[in-house]
Amino acid sequence: MERFPIPPFAAEKITLRLMIGISLVLAFVFGKNQARAEETPREILQRADEARGHFNGVTWKVTIFSIEGERQQEKTLEVKARGYNFIASLLSPPSVKGQRLLMVENHMWFMKPGTKKPVPISPRQRLVHKQV
């Protein structure tokens, strides 16, 4: 394998660029950590909650497609969540429009248009993932 000599001025430019690049990366990494070290634990948790949408909550519009044999269904719902609490409202098809599922802390209810009171859902009836 033949090596080509690098002119001295080119080697100096490469070395200078490499040193500047490394300096910028180190300044970014350590400068960012220094700013975070000055944060209180409460500020760190608040920033984490804001990043996950737990602070002000999040809203999703979800469309579910299902196929059972020859039967195909499509349902659309809007889910509003804050922390681990949520309300899911079915928007379509018309046969389920207005039905809602509400979860606050460990309590869950189902509401259907025309019913006077929400129906509580027992823990045995729920399909909610729980961490072990």
N, C-alpha and C. Protein backbone atom coordinates (compact mmCIF):
# COMPACT_ATOMS: atom_id res chain seq x y z
N MET A 1 0.85 -1.17 0.00
CA MET A 1 0.00 0.00 0.00
C MET A 1 0.89 1.23 0.00
N GLU A 2 0.64 2.11 -0.93
CA GLU A 2 1.46 3.30 -1.07
C GLU A 2 0.86 4.45 -0.27
N ARG A 3 1.68 5.13 0.50
CA ARG A 3 1.22 6.27 1.30
C ARG A 3 1.63 7.55 0.61
N PHE A 4 0.74 8.51 0.62
CA PHE A 4 1.04 9.80 0.02
C PHE A 4 1.38 10.77 1.14
N PRO A 5 2.46 11.49 1.01
CA PRO A 5 2.84 12.43 2.07
C PRO A 5 1.86 13.61 2.12
N ILE A 6 1.56 14.05 3.32
CA ILE A 6 0.69 15.21 3.50
C ILE A 6 1.58 16.43 3.69
N PRO A 7 1.37 17.47 2.90
CA PRO A 7 2.18 18.67 3.06
C PRO A 7 2.03 19.23 4.48
N PRO A 8 3.06 19.83 5.05
CA PRO A 8 3.02 20.31 6.43
C PRO A 8 1.89 21.31 6.69
N PHE A 9 1.60 22.22 5.75
CA PHE A 9 0.53 23.20 5.98
C PHE A 9 -0.84 22.52 6.02
N ALA A 10 -1.04 21.47 5.23
CA ALA A 10 -2.31 20.73 5.23
C ALA A 10 -2.48 19.98 6.55
N ALA A 11 -1.44 19.38 7.06
CA ALA A 11 -1.50 18.67 8.34
C ALA A 11 -1.85 19.63 9.46
N GLU A 12 -1.30 20.85 9.42
CA GLU A 12 -1.61 21.85 10.44
C GLU A 12 -3.08 22.25 10.38
N LYS A 13 -3.64 22.39 9.17
CA LYS A 13 -5.06 22.74 9.03
C LYS A 13 -5.95 21.63 9.57
N ILE A 14 -5.61 20.38 9.24
CA ILE A 14 -6.41 19.24 9.71
C ILE A 14 -6.36 19.18 11.23
N THR A 15 -5.16 19.33 11.80
CA THR A 15 -5.00 19.28 13.25
C THR A 15 -5.77 20.42 13.91
N LEU A 16 -5.70 21.63 13.36
CA LEU A 16 -6.41 22.77 13.91
C LEU A 16 -7.92 22.55 13.87
N ARG A 17 -8.44 22.06 12.75
CA ARG A 17 -9.89 21.78 12.63
C ARG A 17 -10.32 20.70 13.62
N LEU A 18 -9.50 19.68 13.75
CA LEU A 18 -9.81 18.60 14.68
C LEU A 18 -9.86 19.12 16.11
N MET A 19 -8.89 19.94 16.49
CA MET A 19 -8.84 20.49 17.85
C MET A 19 -10.04 21.41 18.11
N ILE A 20 -10.39 22.24 17.13
CA ILE A 20 -11.56 23.12 17.29
C ILE A 20 -12.82 22.29 17.44
N GLY A 21 -12.97 21.25 16.62
CA GLY A 21 -14.15 20.38 16.71
C GLY A 21 -14.26 19.70 18.06
N ILE A 22 -13.16 19.15 18.53
CA ILE A 22 -13.16 18.48 19.84
C ILE A 22 -13.48 19.49 20.94
N SER A 23 -12.92 20.70 20.86
CA SER A 23 -13.18 21.73 21.86
C SER A 23 -14.66 22.10 21.90
N LEU A 24 -15.27 22.24 20.72
CA LEU A 24 -16.70 22.59 20.67
C LEU A 24 -17.56 21.49 21.27
N VAL A 25 -17.25 20.25 20.95
CA VAL A 25 -18.02 19.13 21.48
C VAL A 25 -17.89 19.07 23.00
N LEU A 26 -16.68 19.20 23.51
CA LEU A 26 -16.47 19.17 24.96
C LEU A 26 -17.16 20.34 25.66
N ALA A 27 -17.08 21.52 25.06
CA ALA A 27 -17.74 22.69 25.65
C ALA A 27 -19.25 22.48 25.69
N PHE A 28 -19.80 21.91 24.63
CA PHE A 28 -21.24 21.66 24.59
C PHE A 28 -21.65 20.65 25.64
N VAL A 29 -20.92 19.54 25.72
CA VAL A 29 -21.28 18.47 26.66
C VAL A 29 -21.11 18.92 28.09
N PHE A 30 -19.96 19.46 28.43
CA PHE A 30 -19.72 19.84 29.82
C PHE A 30 -20.46 21.11 30.21
N GLY A 31 -20.64 22.02 29.27
CA GLY A 31 -21.40 23.24 29.56
C GLY A 31 -22.84 22.92 29.85
N LYS A 32 -23.41 21.99 29.11
CA LYS A 32 -24.80 21.59 29.31
C LYS A 32 -24.97 20.89 30.66
N ASN A 33 -24.03 20.02 31.01
CA ASN A 33 -24.11 19.33 32.30
C ASN A 33 -23.94 20.30 33.46
N GLN A 34 -23.12 21.31 33.29
CA GLN A 34 -22.92 22.29 34.36
C GLN A 34 -24.22 23.04 34.62
N ALA A 35 -24.92 23.43 33.55
CA ALA A 35 -26.18 24.14 33.72
C ALA A 35 -27.20 23.25 34.42
N ARG A 36 -27.22 21.97 34.08
CA ARG A 36 -28.17 21.05 34.70
C ARG A 36 -27.81 20.77 36.15
N ALA A 37 -26.53 20.82 36.49
CA ALA A 37 -26.11 20.56 37.87
C ALA A 37 -26.64 21.64 38.80
N GLU A 38 -26.92 22.82 38.27
CA GLU A 38 -27.42 23.91 39.08
C GLU A 38 -28.94 23.84 39.28
N GLU A 39 -29.62 22.96 38.57
CA GLU A 39 -31.07 22.82 38.71
C GLU A 39 -31.41 22.07 39.99
N THR A 40 -32.54 22.43 40.55
CA THR A 40 -33.01 21.69 41.72
C THR A 40 -33.70 20.41 41.23
N PRO A 41 -33.86 19.42 42.11
CA PRO A 41 -34.58 18.20 41.71
C PRO A 41 -35.99 18.49 41.21
N ARG A 42 -36.67 19.45 41.83
CA ARG A 42 -38.03 19.80 41.39
C ARG A 42 -38.02 20.34 39.96
N GLU A 43 -37.03 21.16 39.61
CA GLU A 43 -36.93 21.70 38.26
C GLU A 43 -36.65 20.61 37.24
N ILE A 44 -35.82 19.65 37.61
CA ILE A 44 -35.51 18.54 36.72
C ILE A 44 -36.78 17.72 36.46
N LEU A 45 -37.55 17.43 37.52
CA LEU A 45 -38.79 16.66 37.35
C LEU A 45 -39.82 17.44 36.53
N GLN A 46 -39.91 18.74 36.76
CA GLN A 46 -40.86 19.54 36.00
C GLN A 46 -40.49 19.54 34.52
N ARG A 47 -39.20 19.68 34.21
CA ARG A 47 -38.75 19.66 32.82
C ARG A 47 -39.03 18.30 32.18
N ALA A 48 -38.84 17.22 32.94
CA ALA A 48 -39.12 15.88 32.42
C ALA A 48 -40.61 15.71 32.16
N ASP A 49 -41.46 16.20 33.07
CA ASP A 49 -42.90 16.11 32.86
C ASP A 49 -43.35 16.92 31.65
N GLU A 50 -42.76 18.09 31.47
CA GLU A 50 -43.10 18.91 30.31
C GLU A 50 -42.73 18.19 29.02
N ALA A 51 -41.59 17.53 29.01
CA ALA A 51 -41.14 16.82 27.81
C ALA A 51 -42.05 15.65 27.48
N ARG A 52 -42.62 15.00 28.48
CA ARG A 52 -43.51 13.86 28.26
C ARG A 52 -44.97 14.28 28.11
N GLY A 53 -45.27 15.57 28.29
CA GLY A 53 -46.64 16.03 28.14
C GLY A 53 -47.45 15.90 29.41
N HIS A 54 -46.82 15.56 30.53
CA HIS A 54 -47.57 15.37 31.77
C HIS A 54 -47.91 16.70 32.45
N PHE A 55 -47.23 17.76 32.08
CA PHE A 55 -47.43 19.04 32.76
C PHE A 55 -48.77 19.66 32.35
N ASN A 56 -48.96 19.87 31.07
CA ASN A 56 -50.20 20.45 30.57
C ASN A 56 -51.12 19.41 29.97
N GLY A 57 -50.64 18.21 29.82
CA GLY A 57 -51.43 17.16 29.23
C GLY A 57 -51.21 17.08 27.73
N VAL A 58 -51.68 16.00 27.15
CA VAL A 58 -51.56 15.79 25.71
C VAL A 58 -52.90 15.31 25.16
N THR A 59 -53.10 15.51 23.87
CA THR A 59 -54.32 15.07 23.21
C THR A 59 -53.92 14.32 21.94
N TRP A 60 -54.53 13.15 21.78
CA TRP A 60 -54.30 12.35 20.57
C TRP A 60 -55.63 12.11 19.88
N LYS A 61 -55.59 12.05 18.56
CA LYS A 61 -56.74 11.59 17.78
C LYS A 61 -56.29 10.25 17.20
N VAL A 62 -57.00 9.19 17.56
CA VAL A 62 -56.60 7.83 17.22
C VAL A 62 -57.66 7.19 16.33
N THR A 63 -57.21 6.52 15.27
CA THR A 63 -58.10 5.75 14.41
C THR A 63 -57.69 4.29 14.51
N ILE A 64 -58.65 3.45 14.84
CA ILE A 64 -58.41 2.01 15.01
C ILE A 64 -59.08 1.27 13.87
N PHE A 65 -58.32 0.46 13.14
CA PHE A 65 -58.85 -0.38 12.08
C PHE A 65 -58.80 -1.82 12.58
N SER A 66 -59.89 -2.54 12.45
CA SER A 66 -59.88 -3.95 12.86
C SER A 66 -60.56 -4.81 11.79
N ILE A 67 -60.06 -6.03 11.67
CA ILE A 67 -60.63 -6.98 10.72
C ILE A 67 -60.87 -8.28 11.47
N GLU A 68 -62.11 -8.74 11.45
CA GLU A 68 -62.48 -10.03 12.05
C GLU A 68 -63.20 -10.83 10.97
N GLY A 69 -62.50 -11.80 10.42
CA GLY A 69 -63.08 -12.58 9.32
C GLY A 69 -63.32 -11.67 8.14
N GLU A 70 -64.57 -11.56 7.72
CA GLU A 70 -64.96 -10.71 6.60
C GLU A 70 -65.36 -9.31 7.06
N ARG A 71 -65.48 -9.12 8.35
CA ARG A 71 -65.98 -7.85 8.91
C ARG A 71 -64.82 -6.89 9.18
N GLN A 72 -64.92 -5.67 8.64
CA GLN A 72 -63.93 -4.63 8.87
C GLN A 72 -64.57 -3.48 9.61
N GLN A 73 -63.86 -2.93 10.58
CA GLN A 73 -64.38 -1.81 11.35
C GLN A 73 -63.32 -0.72 11.46
N GLU A 74 -63.81 0.49 11.60
CA GLU A 74 -62.94 1.64 11.82
C GLU A 74 -63.58 2.49 12.90
N LYS A 75 -62.82 2.79 13.95
CA LYS A 75 -63.31 3.64 15.04
C LYS A 75 -62.31 4.76 15.24
N THR A 76 -62.84 5.94 15.50
CA THR A 76 -62.00 7.11 15.75
C THR A 76 -62.32 7.62 17.15
N LEU A 77 -61.27 7.92 17.90
CA LEU A 77 -61.47 8.46 19.23
C LEU A 77 -60.46 9.54 19.52
N GLU A 78 -60.81 10.38 20.48
CA GLU A 78 -59.92 11.43 20.95
C GLU A 78 -59.55 11.10 22.38
N VAL A 79 -58.26 11.09 22.67
CA VAL A 79 -57.78 10.77 24.01
C VAL A 79 -57.07 11.99 24.56
N LYS A 80 -57.51 12.43 25.74
CA LYS A 80 -56.86 13.52 26.44
C LYS A 80 -56.26 12.94 27.71
N ALA A 81 -54.96 13.15 27.90
CA ALA A 81 -54.28 12.55 29.05
C ALA A 81 -53.45 13.60 29.77
N ARG A 82 -53.38 13.42 31.07
CA ARG A 82 -52.54 14.25 31.91
C ARG A 82 -52.02 13.35 33.02
N GLY A 83 -50.73 13.13 33.04
CA GLY A 83 -50.17 12.17 33.99
C GLY A 83 -50.68 10.80 33.60
N TYR A 84 -51.25 10.08 34.56
CA TYR A 84 -51.80 8.75 34.28
C TYR A 84 -53.33 8.80 34.18
N ASN A 85 -53.92 9.97 34.23
CA ASN A 85 -55.36 10.13 34.09
C ASN A 85 -55.69 10.41 32.63
N PHE A 86 -56.84 9.92 32.18
CA PHE A 86 -57.21 10.18 30.79
C PHE A 86 -58.72 10.12 30.63
N ILE A 87 -59.18 10.71 29.52
CA ILE A 87 -60.56 10.53 29.06
C ILE A 87 -60.47 10.25 27.56
N ALA A 88 -61.13 9.18 27.15
CA ALA A 88 -61.17 8.79 25.74
C ALA A 88 -62.61 8.92 25.26
N SER A 89 -62.82 9.71 24.22
CA SER A 89 -64.15 9.93 23.66
C SER A 89 -64.21 9.34 22.27
N LEU A 90 -65.19 8.47 22.02
CA LEU A 90 -65.37 7.88 20.69
C LEU A 90 -66.05 8.90 19.79
N LEU A 91 -65.48 9.12 18.60
CA LEU A 91 -66.01 10.11 17.66
C LEU A 91 -66.77 9.49 16.51
N SER A 92 -66.38 8.28 16.10
CA SER A 92 -67.07 7.60 15.01
C SER A 92 -66.82 6.11 15.14
N PRO A 93 -67.67 5.28 14.59
CA PRO A 93 -68.85 5.50 13.76
C PRO A 93 -70.01 6.03 14.61
N PRO A 94 -71.10 6.43 13.98
CA PRO A 94 -72.24 6.98 14.71
C PRO A 94 -72.81 6.06 15.79
N SER A 95 -72.66 4.74 15.62
CA SER A 95 -73.23 3.80 16.61
C SER A 95 -72.53 3.88 17.97
N VAL A 96 -71.30 4.39 18.02
CA VAL A 96 -70.57 4.50 19.29
C VAL A 96 -70.21 5.94 19.65
N LYS A 97 -70.58 6.88 18.80
CA LYS A 97 -70.24 8.28 19.01
C LYS A 97 -70.77 8.76 20.37
N GLY A 98 -69.92 9.42 21.12
CA GLY A 98 -70.33 9.97 22.42
C GLY A 98 -69.99 9.07 23.60
N GLN A 99 -69.60 7.83 23.36
CA GLN A 99 -69.20 6.97 24.46
C GLN A 99 -67.84 7.44 24.97
N ARG A 100 -67.67 7.34 26.31
CA ARG A 100 -66.42 7.83 26.91
C ARG A 100 -65.91 6.86 27.95
N LEU A 101 -64.59 6.84 28.07
CA LEU A 101 -63.93 6.05 29.09
C LEU A 101 -63.07 7.02 29.89
N LEU A 102 -63.27 7.05 31.19
CA LEU A 102 -62.56 7.98 32.06
C LEU A 102 -61.75 7.20 33.08
N MET A 103 -60.49 7.60 33.28
CA MET A 103 -59.66 6.99 34.31
C MET A 103 -59.02 8.10 35.13
N VAL A 104 -59.26 8.07 36.44
CA VAL A 104 -58.66 9.02 37.38
C VAL A 104 -58.02 8.19 38.48
N GLU A 105 -56.70 8.34 38.61
CA GLU A 105 -55.90 7.53 39.53
C GLU A 105 -56.15 6.05 39.22
N ASN A 106 -56.66 5.28 40.16
CA ASN A 106 -56.90 3.85 39.91
C ASN A 106 -58.37 3.53 39.66
N HIS A 107 -59.17 4.55 39.41
CA HIS A 107 -60.60 4.35 39.21
C HIS A 107 -60.95 4.59 37.75
N MET A 108 -61.83 3.72 37.20
CA MET A 108 -62.20 3.82 35.80
C MET A 108 -63.72 3.75 35.66
N TRP A 109 -64.26 4.56 34.74
CA TRP A 109 -65.69 4.59 34.47
C TRP A 109 -65.94 4.60 32.97
N PHE A 110 -67.10 4.06 32.59
CA PHE A 110 -67.56 4.08 31.21
C PHE A 110 -68.84 4.89 31.17
N MET A 111 -68.95 5.80 30.20
CA MET A 111 -70.15 6.63 30.06
C MET A 111 -70.69 6.48 28.64
N LYS A 112 -71.99 6.37 28.56
CA LYS A 112 -72.66 6.20 27.27
C LYS A 112 -73.78 7.23 27.19
N PRO A 113 -73.99 7.84 26.03
CA PRO A 113 -75.09 8.80 25.93
C PRO A 113 -76.41 8.13 26.31
N GLY A 114 -77.18 8.83 27.10
CA GLY A 114 -78.48 8.30 27.52
C GLY A 114 -78.46 7.67 28.90
N THR A 115 -77.29 7.37 29.44
CA THR A 115 -77.24 6.83 30.80
C THR A 115 -77.16 7.98 31.79
N LYS A 116 -77.75 7.78 32.95
CA LYS A 116 -77.78 8.84 33.95
C LYS A 116 -76.48 8.93 34.74
N LYS A 117 -75.86 7.78 35.00
CA LYS A 117 -74.63 7.77 35.79
C LYS A 117 -73.55 6.99 35.05
N PRO A 118 -72.29 7.38 35.26
CA PRO A 118 -71.20 6.58 34.67
C PRO A 118 -71.14 5.21 35.32
N VAL A 119 -70.75 4.21 34.55
CA VAL A 119 -70.67 2.84 35.05
C VAL A 119 -69.23 2.58 35.51
N PRO A 120 -69.03 2.24 36.78
CA PRO A 120 -67.66 1.95 37.21
C PRO A 120 -67.16 0.64 36.60
N ILE A 121 -65.88 0.59 36.30
CA ILE A 121 -65.26 -0.60 35.75
C ILE A 121 -64.33 -1.15 36.83
N SER A 122 -64.55 -2.40 37.21
CA SER A 122 -63.76 -3.00 38.27
C SER A 122 -62.35 -3.32 37.77
N PRO A 123 -61.39 -3.45 38.68
CA PRO A 123 -60.03 -3.79 38.27
C PRO A 123 -59.95 -5.09 37.47
N ARG A 124 -60.83 -6.05 37.72
CA ARG A 124 -60.83 -7.31 36.98
C ARG A 124 -61.25 -7.13 35.52
N GLN A 125 -62.05 -6.11 35.24
CA GLN A 125 -62.55 -5.87 33.89
C GLN A 125 -61.58 -5.05 33.04
N ARG A 126 -60.56 -4.48 33.63
CA ARG A 126 -59.64 -3.60 32.92
C ARG A 126 -58.56 -4.37 32.18
N LEU A 127 -58.15 -3.82 31.07
CA LEU A 127 -57.00 -4.33 30.33
C LEU A 127 -55.96 -3.21 30.33
N VAL A 128 -55.37 -2.97 31.48
CA VAL A 128 -54.40 -1.90 31.62
C VAL A 128 -53.07 -2.52 31.99
N HIS A 129 -52.00 -2.10 31.30
CA HIS A 129 -50.66 -2.63 31.58
C HIS A 129 -50.19 -2.09 32.94
N LYS A 130 -49.75 -2.97 33.80
CA LYS A 130 -49.19 -2.57 35.08
C LYS A 130 -47.77 -3.10 35.15
N GLN A 131 -46.87 -2.23 35.62
CA GLN A 131 -45.48 -2.66 35.77
C GLN A 131 -45.34 -3.51 37.00
N VAL A 132 -44.52 -4.54 36.89
CA VAL A 132 -44.31 -5.47 38.00
C VAL A 132 -43.26 -4.92 38.92
